[in-house]
Protein backbone atom coordinates (compact mmCIF):
# COMPACT_ATOMS: atom_id res chain seq x y z
CA UNK A 1 -0.08 0.04 -0.25
CA UNK A 2 1.31 3.31 -0.85
CA UNK A 3 2.29 5.49 1.91
CA UNK A 4 1.46 8.66 0.44
CA UNK A 5 0.26 10.25 -3.22
CA UNK A 6 0.68 13.45 -4.54
CA UNK A 7 -0.89 13.74 -8.16
CA UNK A 8 -3.06 16.52 -9.66
CA UNK A 9 -4.88 16.20 -12.81
CA UNK A 10 -6.50 19.24 -14.16
CA UNK A 11 -8.58 20.24 -16.97
CA UNK A 12 -9.14 24.12 -18.20
CA UNK A 13 -7.92 26.89 -20.17
CA UNK A 14 -4.46 28.88 -20.44
CA UNK A 15 -4.84 32.29 -18.59
CA UNK A 16 -1.58 33.68 -20.15
CA UNK A 17 0.94 32.17 -22.54
CA UNK A 18 3.63 30.18 -21.20
CA UNK A 19 6.49 32.27 -20.11
CA UNK A 20 9.80 30.47 -20.95
CA UNK A 21 13.50 30.84 -18.85
CA UNK A 22 16.63 29.09 -18.54
CA UNK A 23 18.32 28.52 -15.50
CA UNK A 24 21.46 29.18 -15.01
CA UNK A 25 23.00 25.46 -15.34
CA UNK A 26 21.15 25.90 -18.80
CA UNK A 27 17.50 23.76 -17.90
CA UNK A 28 14.65 25.10 -19.40
CA UNK A 29 11.37 25.89 -17.28
CA UNK A 30 7.82 27.24 -18.23
CA UNK A 31 5.27 29.27 -16.38
CA UNK A 32 1.73 29.35 -16.97
CA UNK A 33 -1.95 29.76 -15.09
CA UNK A 34 -4.75 27.42 -15.87
CA UNK A 35 -8.44 28.10 -15.00
CA UNK A 36 -10.88 25.61 -14.34
CA UNK A 37 -14.50 26.56 -13.89
CA UNK A 38 -16.92 25.11 -11.09
CA UNK A 39 -20.84 25.07 -11.75
CA UNK A 40 -22.90 25.29 -8.76
CA UNK A 41 -26.37 26.79 -7.77
CA UNK A 42 -26.61 29.27 -5.11
CA UNK A 43 -29.26 29.41 -2.00
CA UNK A 44 -31.71 31.36 -4.27
CA UNK A 45 -31.41 28.27 -6.63
CA UNK A 46 -29.34 30.60 -9.36
CA UNK A 47 -26.28 28.76 -11.60
CA UNK A 48 -23.52 30.29 -10.49
CA UNK A 49 -20.06 29.83 -11.91
CA UNK A 50 -16.46 29.64 -9.71
CA UNK A 51 -12.86 30.36 -11.48
CA UNK A 52 -10.23 28.47 -9.85
CA UNK A 53 -6.34 29.83 -10.76
CA UNK A 54 -3.97 27.52 -10.71
CA UNK A 55 -0.01 28.07 -11.06
CA UNK A 56 1.89 25.45 -13.59
CA UNK A 57 5.48 24.95 -13.70
CA UNK A 58 6.93 22.56 -16.41
CA UNK A 59 10.74 21.66 -16.80
CA UNK A 60 12.99 20.52 -19.77
CA UNK A 61 11.84 19.57 -22.96
CA UNK A 62 8.31 19.73 -21.62
CA UNK A 63 8.88 23.43 -20.86
CA UNK A 64 10.10 24.09 -24.46
CA UNK A 65 6.75 21.87 -26.02
CA UNK A 66 3.99 24.09 -23.62
CA UNK A 67 6.10 27.10 -24.75
CA UNK A 68 6.04 26.40 -28.17
CA UNK A 69 2.31 25.11 -28.61
CA UNK A 70 0.42 26.46 -25.95
CA UNK A 71 -1.33 30.07 -26.13
CA UNK A 72 -3.82 31.93 -24.25
CA UNK A 73 -7.12 30.25 -23.94
CA UNK A 74 -6.33 26.75 -25.19
CA UNK A 75 -7.75 23.82 -23.45
CA UNK A 76 -5.51 21.29 -22.16
CA UNK A 77 -5.12 18.68 -19.78
CA UNK A 78 -2.08 18.90 -16.84
CA UNK A 79 -1.04 16.64 -14.52
CA UNK A 80 1.72 16.66 -12.14
CA UNK A 81 2.51 17.21 -8.19
CA UNK A 82 1.44 20.09 -5.70
CA UNK A 83 4.61 21.94 -4.60
CA UNK A 84 4.77 24.89 -2.13
CA UNK A 85 7.81 27.15 -2.01
CA UNK A 86 8.56 29.86 0.47
CA UNK A 87 10.70 33.25 0.07
CA UNK A 88 11.31 36.14 1.95
CA UNK A 89 10.18 39.39 0.69
CA UNK A 90 12.82 41.71 -0.04
CA UNK A 91 10.62 44.84 0.65
CA UNK A 92 8.92 43.97 3.83
CA UNK A 93 11.04 41.02 5.16
CA UNK A 94 7.92 38.97 5.30
CA UNK A 95 7.94 35.49 4.55
CA UNK A 96 5.88 34.55 1.17
CA UNK A 97 4.44 31.10 -0.19
CA UNK A 98 3.07 29.98 -3.16
CA UNK A 99 1.49 26.71 -4.37
CA UNK A 100 2.15 25.58 -8.00
CA UNK A 101 1.59 22.29 -10.18
CA UNK A 102 4.89 20.81 -11.20
CA UNK A 103 3.76 19.44 -14.49
CA UNK A 104 4.71 15.87 -15.57
CA UNK A 105 2.33 15.34 -18.31
CA UNK A 106 0.49 18.05 -20.77
CA UNK A 107 -2.29 17.01 -23.13
CA UNK A 108 -3.81 19.47 -25.61
CA UNK A 109 -7.65 19.56 -26.04
CA UNK A 110 -10.19 21.07 -28.19
CA UNK A 111 -11.36 21.12 -31.54
CA UNK A 112 -8.99 21.87 -34.64
CA UNK A 113 -10.84 25.06 -35.31
CA UNK A 114 -10.21 26.13 -31.87
CA UNK A 115 -6.91 25.29 -31.54
CA UNK A 116 -4.11 27.11 -33.46
CA UNK A 117 -5.43 27.03 -36.68
CA UNK A 118 -6.27 23.01 -37.40
CA UNK A 119 -3.36 21.42 -35.73
CA UNK A 120 -4.51 17.92 -34.30
CA UNK A 121 -6.13 17.38 -31.13
CA UNK A 122 -5.40 15.23 -28.38
CA UNK A 123 -1.50 15.73 -28.56
CA UNK A 124 0.18 14.47 -25.32
CA UNK A 125 3.62 14.89 -24.24
CA UNK A 126 4.74 13.08 -20.99
CA UNK A 127 8.23 14.48 -18.90
CA UNK A 128 9.23 10.85 -18.57
CA UNK A 129 9.10 9.83 -22.13
CA UNK A 130 10.46 13.08 -23.68
CA UNK A 131 13.96 12.73 -24.91
CA UNK A 132 16.74 14.62 -22.69
CA UNK A 133 17.34 18.45 -23.30
CA UNK A 134 20.77 18.14 -24.76
CA UNK A 135 20.29 15.25 -27.01
CA UNK A 136 16.93 16.04 -28.49
CA UNK A 137 16.44 17.78 -31.36
CA UNK A 138 12.92 20.26 -31.71
CA UNK A 139 9.77 17.85 -31.31
CA UNK A 140 7.71 18.35 -34.10
CA UNK A 141 3.90 17.89 -33.37
CA UNK A 142 2.32 14.71 -33.96
CA UNK A 143 0.84 14.29 -37.49
CA UNK A 144 -2.97 13.79 -37.61
CA UNK A 145 -4.03 10.58 -36.82
CA UNK A 146 -5.69 8.78 -39.76
CA UNK A 147 -9.32 7.45 -38.94
CA UNK A 148 -10.00 4.10 -40.96
CA UNK A 149 -13.60 3.99 -42.78
CA UNK A 150 -15.57 1.43 -42.10
CA UNK A 151 -16.91 -0.45 -45.39
CA UNK A 152 -20.53 -1.00 -45.67
CA UNK A 153 -20.25 -4.60 -45.77
CA UNK A 154 -18.26 -4.18 -42.14
CA UNK A 155 -21.16 -3.16 -40.88
CA UNK A 156 -23.19 -6.48 -41.61
CA UNK A 157 -20.40 -8.33 -39.73
CA UNK A 158 -20.99 -6.30 -36.40
CA UNK A 159 -22.27 -8.97 -33.44
CA UNK A 160 -24.69 -5.77 -32.19
């Protein structure tokens, strides 16, 4: 049995374009925000919507892919873990905290018309399966999958 689990899965829309930076050691890091919405009825029975904002951080090749393909408004699936960081505010001396999702997997969602001029939907990028930054050439988006068509005679062979 697992002793603990730190896993986050979100589907939402980007609130900002990813911001790509490079650390002093040369590693890429991208930051962006993701909005998720929840609908509920208030005490009067009126339909309300609540938006929750999430800070997302991606590292390495996944950060570069996020920067290249994601734009504000794009719908994505993000998987990762929660991480809380703290720092001392230079102006006030106060200790500040932020909680963010460290992204390990990202999948672009939405219809081709909605997303960047007709690219394929359901493109998935997983941090663990991406090539290392130093040995990888630039990653091209996957080709649009072809959908096999059913021949009329095949319809009669279905068991239902």
